[in-house]
Amino acid sequence: MSPADLGSSIAARSSTEQWVSAGVAIAVALLVALLLDRALARRGRALAKAVTGGELSPETDTRLRFIRRLVYAVIVLLGVAVALSNFASISRLAGSLLASGAIAAAVLGFAARQTLANFVAGIMLAVTQPLRVGDWVFVEDQYGVVDDIRLNYTFLRTSGGQQIVIPNEKLASGVLRNDTLGEGVVGLDVSIWLPAGADAGLAVAVLQEESEQSVTVAETTAEGVRLAVGGERCAPPERAAREADLRLRCLVRLRAEGLLAAPE
């Protein structure tokens, strides 16, 4: 075998060993992360219940989920770093980047600014907990129950079963209404529009009799009058159905009294 062929064989064998080592490092990291995640999920819940002496609270459940995912992500990233360190070319590239650390940090920070912002916001949400797993919240025009709070995103499930994915940065920096915090009940609030010229006073009296709840004139415009019907309090999961039923009863009664035009 010529020296050139021998050198090529050694280089190929070295390259194969590098890929095998990198694959083993990633596989081990994934396995350790998975096993540790399951152990934390099982033992963490058992320990939390033993400490609290009852069911797992939403606050503790939210923090446990966040810690599990943070540990999982750190272990996987360490495995990827060990895998990449097996390649001499990448090590040289990393050395060059470290030599110009300010530029590398600036480029990396600019490229990942949104991801980092969501991650930092996720830590803030886990610590301050303006919302927790199981809470019913209103975010912008979306209302539903918090299914999960992850490192970068929060999953919201509406009453219709739709899954809404919200970046954590938006939750940390925006306006959030949490109907579960405090007393854990929410008042019904239904808007009924009357056409211009309709007798608003009579409509208020009719709806108070029908609903046995407070009825007020909430808004007047050139197109009509908006009545606010509500006051009764219920658990957040029941709100949508109760409001739909109340709205239907109000509309049917107003049409029966001649205060709304019947559908053609």
C-alpha atoms as a PDB file:
ATOM      1  CA  MET A   1       0.000   0.000   0.000  1.00  0.00           C
ATOM      2  CA  SER A   2       1.387   3.382  -0.960  1.00  0.00           C
ATOM      3  CA  PRO A   3       1.851   6.131   1.636  1.00  0.00           C
ATOM      4  CA  ALA A   4      -0.967   8.096   0.000  1.00  0.00           C
ATOM      5  CA  ASP A   5      -3.361   5.135   0.235  1.00  0.00           C
ATOM      6  CA  LEU A   6      -2.334   4.515   3.842  1.00  0.00           C
ATOM      7  CA  GLY A   7      -2.965   8.172   4.705  1.00  0.00           C
ATOM      8  CA  SER A   8      -6.400   8.075   3.046  1.00  0.00           C
ATOM      9  CA  SER A   9      -7.303   4.884   4.954  1.00  0.00           C
ATOM     10  CA  ILE A  10      -6.260   6.394   8.286  1.00  0.00           C
ATOM     11  CA  ALA A  11      -8.189   9.597   7.507  1.00  0.00           C
ATOM     12  CA  ALA A  12     -11.317   7.634   6.579  1.00  0.00           C
ATOM     13  CA  ARG A  13     -11.070   5.515   9.726  1.00  0.00           C
ATOM     14  CA  SER A  14     -10.557   8.635  11.826  1.00  0.00           C
ATOM     15  CA  SER A  15     -13.588  10.293  10.212  1.00  0.00           C
ATOM     16  CA  THR A  16     -15.737   7.203  10.853  1.00  0.00           C
ATOM     17  CA  GLU A  17     -14.654   7.117  14.501  1.00  0.00           C
ATOM     18  CA  GLN A  18     -15.555  10.787  14.852  1.00  0.00           C
ATOM     19  CA  TRP A  19     -19.068  10.215  13.502  1.00  0.00           C
ATOM     20  CA  VAL A  20     -19.558   7.135  15.669  1.00  0.00           C
ATOM     21  CA  SER A  21     -18.396   9.008  18.778  1.00  0.00           C
ATOM     22  CA  ALA A  22     -20.656  11.937  17.953  1.00  0.00           C
ATOM     23  CA  GLY A  23     -23.636   9.638  17.429  1.00  0.00           C
ATOM     24  CA  VAL A  24     -22.977   7.822  20.699  1.00  0.00           C
ATOM     25  CA  ALA A  25     -22.699  11.127  22.581  1.00  0.00           C
ATOM     26  CA  ILE A  26     -26.039  12.369  21.247  1.00  0.00           C
ATOM     27  CA  ALA A  27     -27.756   9.013  21.837  1.00  0.00           C
ATOM     28  CA  VAL A  28     -26.473   8.847  25.426  1.00  0.00           C
ATOM     29  CA  ALA A  29     -27.567  12.438  26.056  1.00  0.00           C
ATOM     30  CA  LEU A  30     -31.057  11.749  24.722  1.00  0.00           C
ATOM     31  CA  LEU A  31     -31.351   8.559  26.778  1.00  0.00           C
ATOM     32  CA  VAL A  32     -30.165  10.252  29.988  1.00  0.00           C
ATOM     33  CA  ALA A  33     -32.477  13.230  29.355  1.00  0.00           C
ATOM     34  CA  LEU A  34     -35.468  10.938  28.752  1.00  0.00           C
ATOM     35  CA  LEU A  35     -34.830   8.786  31.830  1.00  0.00           C
ATOM     36  CA  LEU A  36     -34.233  11.817  34.041  1.00  0.00           C
ATOM     37  CA  ASP A  37     -37.371  13.516  32.700  1.00  0.00           C
ATOM     38  CA  ARG A  38     -39.491  10.481  33.547  1.00  0.00           C
ATOM     39  CA  ALA A  39     -37.893  10.193  36.991  1.00  0.00           C
ATOM     40  CA  LEU A  40     -38.540  13.872  37.713  1.00  0.00           C
ATOM     41  CA  ALA A  41     -42.130  13.550  36.500  1.00  0.00           C
ATOM     42  CA  ARG A  42     -42.790  10.542  38.734  1.00  0.00           C
ATOM     43  CA  ARG A  43     -40.727  11.326  41.819  1.00  0.00           C
ATOM     44  CA  GLY A  44     -41.313  15.079  41.654  1.00  0.00           C
ATOM     45  CA  ARG A  45     -45.091  14.708  41.712  1.00  0.00           C
ATOM     46  CA  ALA A  46     -44.927  12.133  44.514  1.00  0.00           C
ATOM     47  CA  LEU A  47     -42.629  14.352  46.595  1.00  0.00           C
ATOM     48  CA  ALA A  48     -44.754  17.454  45.992  1.00  0.00           C
ATOM     49  CA  LYS A  49     -47.926  15.621  47.034  1.00  0.00           C
ATOM     50  CA  ALA A  50     -46.208  14.287  50.132  1.00  0.00           C
ATOM     51  CA  VAL A  51     -45.050  17.788  51.108  1.00  0.00           C
ATOM     52  CA  THR A  52     -48.400  19.465  50.468  1.00  0.00           C
ATOM     53  CA  GLY A  53     -50.376  16.560  51.893  1.00  0.00           C
ATOM     54  CA  GLY A  54     -52.890  16.562  49.068  1.00  0.00           C
ATOM     55  CA  GLU A  55     -53.311  17.066  45.350  1.00  0.00           C
ATOM     56  CA  LEU A  56     -50.633  18.786  43.302  1.00  0.00           C
ATOM     57  CA  SER A  57     -51.347  22.518  43.177  1.00  0.00           C
ATOM     58  CA  PRO A  58     -51.334  24.386  39.833  1.00  0.00           C
ATOM     59  CA  GLU A  59     -48.325  26.439  40.996  1.00  0.00           C
ATOM     60  CA  THR A  60     -46.239  23.353  41.820  1.00  0.00           C
ATOM     61  CA  ASP A  61     -47.333  21.518  38.676  1.00  0.00           C
ATOM     62  CA  THR A  62     -46.292  24.471  36.495  1.00  0.00           C
ATOM     63  CA  ARG A  63     -42.856  24.746  38.128  1.00  0.00           C
ATOM     64  CA  LEU A  64     -42.242  20.991  37.914  1.00  0.00           C
ATOM     65  CA  ARG A  65     -43.019  20.978  34.196  1.00  0.00           C
ATOM     66  CA  PHE A  66     -40.672  23.894  33.584  1.00  0.00           C
ATOM     67  CA  ILE A  67     -37.808  22.333  35.582  1.00  0.00           C
ATOM     68  CA  ARG A  68     -38.193  19.024  33.723  1.00  0.00           C
ATOM     69  CA  ARG A  69     -37.985  20.683  30.320  1.00  0.00           C
ATOM     70  CA  LEU A  70     -35.093  22.913  31.350  1.00  0.00           C
ATOM     71  CA  VAL A  71     -33.075  19.915  32.577  1.00  0.00           C
ATOM     72  CA  TYR A  72     -33.956  17.992  29.403  1.00  0.00           C
ATOM     73  CA  ALA A  73     -32.808  20.857  27.155  1.00  0.00           C
ATOM     74  CA  VAL A  74     -29.543  21.364  29.070  1.00  0.00           C
ATOM     75  CA  ILE A  75     -28.601  17.662  28.861  1.00  0.00           C
ATOM     76  CA  VAL A  76     -29.362  17.499  25.129  1.00  0.00           C
ATOM     77  CA  LEU A  77     -27.324  20.655  24.462  1.00  0.00           C
ATOM     78  CA  LEU A  78     -24.401  19.210  26.417  1.00  0.00           C
ATOM     79  CA  GLY A  79     -24.634  16.032  24.345  1.00  0.00           C
ATOM     80  CA  VAL A  80     -24.593  18.025  21.107  1.00  0.00           C
ATOM     81  CA  ALA A  81     -21.594  20.020  22.342  1.00  0.00           C
ATOM     82  CA  VAL A  82     -19.675  16.817  23.180  1.00  0.00           C
ATOM     83  CA  ALA A  83     -20.590  15.371  19.778  1.00  0.00           C
ATOM     84  CA  LEU A  84     -19.340  18.453  17.933  1.00  0.00           C
ATOM     85  CA  SER A  85     -16.088  18.449  19.910  1.00  0.00           C
ATOM     86  CA  ASN A  86     -15.148  15.177  18.187  1.00  0.00           C
ATOM     87  CA  PHE A  87     -14.646  16.982  14.889  1.00  0.00           C
ATOM     88  CA  ALA A  88     -11.313  18.735  14.595  1.00  0.00           C
ATOM     89  CA  SER A  89     -12.590  21.116  11.922  1.00  0.00           C
ATOM     90  CA  ILE A  90     -15.429  22.289  14.153  1.00  0.00           C
ATOM     91  CA  SER A  91     -13.066  22.638  17.089  1.00  0.00           C
ATOM     92  CA  ARG A  92     -10.811  24.867  14.972  1.00  0.00           C
ATOM     93  CA  LEU A  93     -13.842  26.869  13.873  1.00  0.00           C
ATOM     94  CA  ALA A  94     -14.957  27.228  17.491  1.00  0.00           C
ATOM     95  CA  GLY A  95     -11.478  28.409  18.424  1.00  0.00           C
ATOM     96  CA  SER A  96     -11.591  31.031  15.694  1.00  0.00           C
ATOM     97  CA  LEU A  97     -14.992  32.206  16.847  1.00  0.00           C
ATOM     98  CA  LEU A  98     -13.850  32.397  20.452  1.00  0.00           C
ATOM     99  CA  ALA A  99     -10.883  34.469  19.326  1.00  0.00           C
ATOM    100  CA  SER A 100     -13.383  37.008  18.030  1.00  0.00           C
ATOM    101  CA  GLY A 101     -15.881  36.447  20.840  1.00  0.00           C
ATOM    102  CA  ALA A 102     -17.503  39.867  20.673  1.00  0.00           C
ATOM    103  CA  ILE A 103     -18.455  39.454  17.022  1.00  0.00           C
ATOM    104  CA  ALA A 104     -19.621  35.864  17.548  1.00  0.00           C
ATOM    105  CA  ALA A 105     -21.742  36.855  20.542  1.00  0.00           C
ATOM    106  CA  ALA A 106     -23.274  39.743  18.631  1.00  0.00           C
ATOM    107  CA  VAL A 107     -24.125  37.587  15.611  1.00  0.00           C
ATOM    108  CA  LEU A 108     -25.504  34.751  17.731  1.00  0.00           C
ATOM    109  CA  GLY A 109     -27.497  37.091  19.937  1.00  0.00           C
ATOM    110  CA  PHE A 110     -29.045  38.849  16.932  1.00  0.00           C
ATOM    111  CA  ALA A 111     -29.956  35.570  15.229  1.00  0.00           C
ATOM    112  CA  ALA A 112     -31.499  34.022  18.328  1.00  0.00           C
ATOM    113  CA  ARG A 113     -32.928  37.144  19.976  1.00  0.00           C
ATOM    114  CA  GLN A 114     -36.558  35.998  19.639  1.00  0.00           C
ATOM    115  CA  THR A 115     -35.833  32.504  20.930  1.00  0.00           C
ATOM    116  CA  LEU A 116     -33.849  33.873  23.856  1.00  0.00           C
ATOM    117  CA  ALA A 117     -36.576  36.396  24.624  1.00  0.00           C
ATOM    118  CA  ASN A 118     -39.192  33.633  24.733  1.00  0.00           C
ATOM    119  CA  PHE A 119     -36.914  31.492  26.901  1.00  0.00           C
ATOM    120  CA  VAL A 120     -36.292  34.295  29.417  1.00  0.00           C
ATOM    121  CA  ALA A 121     -40.022  35.070  29.410  1.00  0.00           C
ATOM    122  CA  GLY A 122     -40.706  31.387  30.125  1.00  0.00           C
ATOM    123  CA  ILE A 123     -38.473  31.585  33.215  1.00  0.00           C
ATOM    124  CA  MET A 124     -40.334  34.711  34.373  1.00  0.00           C
ATOM    125  CA  LEU A 125     -43.699  32.998  33.897  1.00  0.00           C
ATOM    126  CA  ALA A 126     -42.544  29.932  35.849  1.00  0.00           C
ATOM    127  CA  VAL A 127     -41.323  32.092  38.743  1.00  0.00           C
ATOM    128  CA  THR A 128     -44.025  34.780  38.943  1.00  0.00           C
ATOM    129  CA  GLN A 129     -46.873  32.556  37.657  1.00  0.00           C
ATOM    130  CA  PRO A 130     -49.435  35.033  36.321  1.00  0.00           C
ATOM    131  CA  LEU A 131     -50.913  31.898  34.762  1.00  0.00           C
ATOM    132  CA  ARG A 132     -50.633  28.222  35.677  1.00  0.00           C
ATOM    133  CA  VAL A 133     -51.473  24.901  34.092  1.00  0.00           C
ATOM    134  CA  GLY A 134     -55.246  24.510  34.336  1.00  0.00           C
ATOM    135  CA  ASP A 135     -56.021  28.240  34.576  1.00  0.00           C
ATOM    136  CA  TRP A 136     -58.692  29.823  32.366  1.00  0.00           C
ATOM    137  CA  VAL A 137     -57.195  32.922  30.780  1.00  0.00           C
ATOM    138  CA  PHE A 138     -58.022  35.567  28.201  1.00  0.00           C
ATOM    139  CA  VAL A 139     -55.095  36.591  25.948  1.00  0.00           C
ATOM    140  CA  GLU A 140     -55.907  39.260  23.370  1.00  0.00           C
ATOM    141  CA  ASP A 141     -58.954  37.739  21.629  1.00  0.00           C
ATOM    142  CA  GLN A 142     -58.369  34.131  22.733  1.00  0.00           C
ATOM    143  CA  TYR A 143     -60.002  32.530  25.787  1.00  0.00           C
ATOM    144  CA  GLY A 144     -59.281  29.048  27.069  1.00  0.00           C
ATOM    145  CA  VAL A 145     -57.556  26.801  29.579  1.00  0.00           C
ATOM    146  CA  VAL A 146     -53.757  26.586  29.887  1.00  0.00           C
ATOM    147  CA  ASP A 147     -52.767  23.100  28.735  1.00  0.00           C
ATOM    148  CA  ASP A 148     -49.009  23.462  29.051  1.00  0.00           C
ATOM    149  CA  ILE A 149     -46.263  26.036  29.652  1.00  0.00           C
ATOM    150  CA  ARG A 150     -43.047  25.143  27.855  1.00  0.00           C
ATOM    151  CA  LEU A 151     -39.649  26.813  27.596  1.00  0.00           C
ATOM    152  CA  ASN A 152     -40.609  29.038  24.646  1.00  0.00           C
ATOM    153  CA  TYR A 153     -44.358  28.635  24.117  1.00  0.00           C
ATOM    154  CA  THR A 154     -47.572  28.273  26.102  1.00  0.00           C
ATOM    155  CA  PHE A 155     -50.416  26.067  24.834  1.00  0.00           C
ATOM    156  CA  LEU A 156     -53.978  27.291  25.285  1.00  0.00           C
ATOM    157  CA  ARG A 157     -57.051  25.105  24.599  1.00  0.00           C
ATOM    158  CA  THR A 158     -60.268  26.933  23.825  1.00  0.00           C
ATOM    159  CA  SER A 159     -63.720  25.735  24.857  1.00  0.00           C
ATOM    160  CA  GLY A 160     -64.138  24.469  21.285  1.00  0.00           C
ATOM    161  CA  GLY A 161     -61.071  22.215  21.600  1.00  0.00           C
ATOM    162  CA  GLN A 162     -58.734  24.346  19.456  1.00  0.00           C
ATOM    163  CA  GLN A 163     -55.071  24.529  20.442  1.00  0.00           C
ATOM    164  CA  ILE A 164     -53.588  28.043  20.502  1.00  0.00           C
ATOM    165  CA  VAL A 165     -49.780  28.365  20.668  1.00  0.00           C
ATOM    166  CA  ILE A 166     -48.646  31.656  22.227  1.00  0.00           C
ATOM    167  CA  PRO A 167     -45.002  32.820  22.485  1.00  0.00           C
ATOM    168  CA  ASN A 168     -44.017  33.313  26.110  1.00  0.00           C
ATOM    169  CA  GLU A 169     -42.687  36.812  25.387  1.00  0.00           C
ATOM    170  CA  LYS A 170     -46.176  37.935  24.389  1.00  0.00           C
ATOM    171  CA  LEU A 171     -47.601  36.620  27.669  1.00  0.00           C
ATOM    172  CA  ALA A 172     -44.868  38.250  29.751  1.00  0.00           C
ATOM    173  CA  SER A 173     -45.165  41.661  28.090  1.00  0.00           C
ATOM    174  CA  GLY A 174     -48.881  41.821  27.227  1.00  0.00           C
ATOM    175  CA  VAL A 175     -52.170  42.147  29.089  1.00  0.00           C
ATOM    176  CA  LEU A 176     -53.436  38.860  30.502  1.00  0.00           C
ATOM    177  CA  ARG A 177     -56.761  38.179  32.230  1.00  0.00           C
ATOM    178  CA  ASN A 178     -56.737  35.147  34.504  1.00  0.00           C
ATOM    179  CA  ASP A 179     -60.221  34.058  35.615  1.00  0.00           C
ATOM    180  CA  THR A 180     -58.923  31.291  37.895  1.00  0.00           C
ATOM    181  CA  LEU A 181     -56.755  33.394  40.196  1.00  0.00           C
ATOM    182  CA  GLY A 182     -58.438  34.731  43.307  1.00  0.00           C
ATOM    183  CA  GLU A 183     -61.890  33.288  43.934  1.00  0.00           C
ATOM    184  CA  GLY A 184     -61.831  31.029  40.881  1.00  0.00           C
ATOM    185  CA  VAL A 185     -65.235  32.187  39.623  1.00  0.00           C
ATOM    186  CA  VAL A 186     -66.187  34.628  36.874  1.00  0.00           C
ATOM    187  CA  GLY A 187     -69.278  36.680  36.195  1.00  0.00           C
ATOM    188  CA  LEU A 188     -71.379  36.234  33.068  1.00  0.00           C
ATOM    189  CA  ASP A 189     -71.253  39.121  30.595  1.00  0.00           C
ATOM    190  CA  VAL A 190     -73.497  39.074  27.512  1.00  0.00           C
ATOM    191  CA  SER A 191     -73.957  41.943  25.059  1.00  0.00           C
ATOM    192  CA  ILE A 192     -77.317  42.411  23.324  1.00  0.00           C
ATOM    193  CA  TRP A 193     -77.719  45.018  20.580  1.00  0.00           C
ATOM    194  CA  LEU A 194     -80.999  46.844  20.044  1.00  0.00           C
ATOM    195  CA  PRO A 195     -81.748  48.579  16.759  1.00  0.00           C
ATOM    196  CA  ALA A 196     -81.874  52.374  16.665  1.00  0.00           C
ATOM    197  CA  GLY A 197     -85.265  53.622  17.849  1.00  0.00           C
ATOM    198  CA  ALA A 198     -86.021  50.595  20.039  1.00  0.00           C
ATOM    199  CA  ASP A 199     -87.336  51.235  23.539  1.00  0.00           C
ATOM    200  CA  ALA A 200     -84.195  50.651  25.622  1.00  0.00           C
ATOM    201  CA  GLY A 201     -86.030  51.143  28.941  1.00  0.00           C
ATOM    202  CA  LEU A 202     -88.607  48.501  28.112  1.00  0.00           C
ATOM    203  CA  ALA A 203     -85.866  46.146  26.879  1.00  0.00           C
ATOM    204  CA  VAL A 204     -83.970  46.532  30.163  1.00  0.00           C
ATOM    205  CA  ALA A 205     -87.095  45.721  32.184  1.00  0.00           C
ATOM    206  CA  VAL A 206     -87.958  42.731  29.993  1.00  0.00           C
ATOM    207  CA  LEU A 207     -84.466  41.251  30.171  1.00  0.00           C
ATOM    208  CA  GLN A 208     -84.246  41.756  33.938  1.00  0.00           C
ATOM    209  CA  GLU A 209     -87.453  39.773  34.298  1.00  0.00           C
ATOM    210  CA  GLU A 210     -86.291  37.062  31.898  1.00  0.00           C
ATOM    211  CA  SER A 211     -82.737  36.600  33.143  1.00  0.00           C
ATOM    212  CA  GLU A 212     -83.105  37.664  36.797  1.00  0.00           C
ATOM    213  CA  GLN A 213     -79.751  39.372  36.427  1.00  0.00           C
ATOM    214  CA  SER A 214     -78.515  42.938  36.170  1.00  0.00           C
ATOM    215  CA  VAL A 215     -79.130  44.669  32.825  1.00  0.00           C
ATOM    216  CA  THR A 216     -77.538  48.016  31.979  1.00  0.00           C
ATOM    217  CA  VAL A 217     -77.196  50.259  28.935  1.00  0.00           C
ATOM    218  CA  ALA A 218     -73.514  49.812  28.143  1.00  0.00           C
ATOM    219  CA  GLU A 219     -73.174  51.779  24.908  1.00  0.00           C
ATOM    220  CA  THR A 220     -75.185  53.938  22.509  1.00  0.00           C
ATOM    221  CA  THR A 221     -74.271  54.553  18.867  1.00  0.00           C
ATOM    222  CA  ALA A 222     -75.997  55.793  15.751  1.00  0.00           C
ATOM    223  CA  GLU A 223     -76.667  52.173  14.791  1.00  0.00           C
ATOM    224  CA  GLY A 224     -78.268  51.129  18.073  1.00  0.00           C
ATOM    225  CA  VAL A 225     -77.955  50.489  21.786  1.00  0.00           C
ATOM    226  CA  ARG A 226     -75.848  47.814  23.483  1.00  0.00           C
ATOM    227  CA  LEU A 227     -77.233  46.240  26.626  1.00  0.00           C
ATOM    228  CA  ALA A 228     -74.976  44.388  29.081  1.00  0.00           C
ATOM    229  CA  VAL A 229     -76.611  41.399  30.746  1.00  0.00           C
ATOM    230  CA  GLY A 230     -74.846  39.509  33.506  1.00  0.00           C
ATOM    231  CA  GLY A 231     -73.862  39.367  37.116  1.00  0.00           C
ATOM    232  CA  GLU A 232     -74.285  35.686  37.911  1.00  0.00           C
ATOM    233  CA  ARG A 233     -71.000  33.989  38.753  1.00  0.00           C
ATOM    234  CA  CYS A 234     -69.858  30.533  37.712  1.00  0.00           C
ATOM    235  CA  ALA A 235     -66.723  28.435  37.283  1.00  0.00           C
ATOM    236  CA  PRO A 236     -64.636  29.450  34.232  1.00  0.00           C
ATOM    237  CA  PRO A 237     -65.162  26.135  32.348  1.00  0.00           C
ATOM    238  CA  GLU A 238     -68.934  26.719  32.440  1.00  0.00           C
ATOM    239  CA  ARG A 239     -68.792  30.313  31.244  1.00  0.00           C
ATOM    240  CA  ALA A 240     -69.092  29.823  27.485  1.00  0.00           C
ATOM    241  CA  ALA A 241     -72.099  27.505  27.698  1.00  0.00           C
ATOM    242  CA  ARG A 242     -73.869  29.635  30.307  1.00  0.00           C
ATOM    243  CA  GLU A 243     -73.355  32.818  28.296  1.00  0.00           C
ATOM    244  CA  ALA A 244     -74.593  31.159  25.103  1.00  0.00           C
ATOM    245  CA  ASP A 245     -77.749  30.016  26.871  1.00  0.00           C
ATOM    246  CA  LEU A 246     -78.317  33.450  28.424  1.00  0.00           C
ATOM    247  CA  ARG A 247     -77.799  35.200  25.080  1.00  0.00           C
ATOM    248  CA  LEU A 248     -80.324  32.937  23.352  1.00  0.00           C
ATOM    249  CA  ARG A 249     -82.941  33.464  26.054  1.00  0.00           C
ATOM    250  CA  CYS A 250     -82.533  37.227  25.835  1.00  0.00           C
ATOM    251  CA  LEU A 251     -82.861  37.307  22.048  1.00  0.00           C
ATOM    252  CA  VAL A 252     -85.928  35.059  22.058  1.00  0.00           C
ATOM    253  CA  ARG A 253     -87.646  37.208  24.701  1.00  0.00           C
ATOM    254  CA  LEU A 254     -86.857  40.482  22.913  1.00  0.00           C
ATOM    255  CA  ARG A 255     -88.281  39.127  19.657  1.00  0.00           C
ATOM    256  CA  ALA A 256     -91.382  37.924  21.480  1.00  0.00           C
ATOM    257  CA  GLU A 257     -91.852  41.446  22.866  1.00  0.00           C
ATOM    258  CA  GLY A 258     -91.408  42.994  19.423  1.00  0.00           C
ATOM    259  CA  LEU A 259     -88.202  44.805  20.386  1.00  0.00           C
ATOM    260  CA  LEU A 260     -86.131  42.918  17.790  1.00  0.00           C
ATOM    261  CA  ALA A 261     -87.088  42.278  14.210  1.00  0.00           C
ATOM    262  CA  ALA A 262     -87.899  38.605  13.559  1.00  0.00           C
ATOM    263  CA  PRO A 263     -85.563  36.879  11.073  1.00  0.00           C
ATOM    264  CA  GLU A 264     -86.873  36.738   7.539  1.00  0.00           C
END
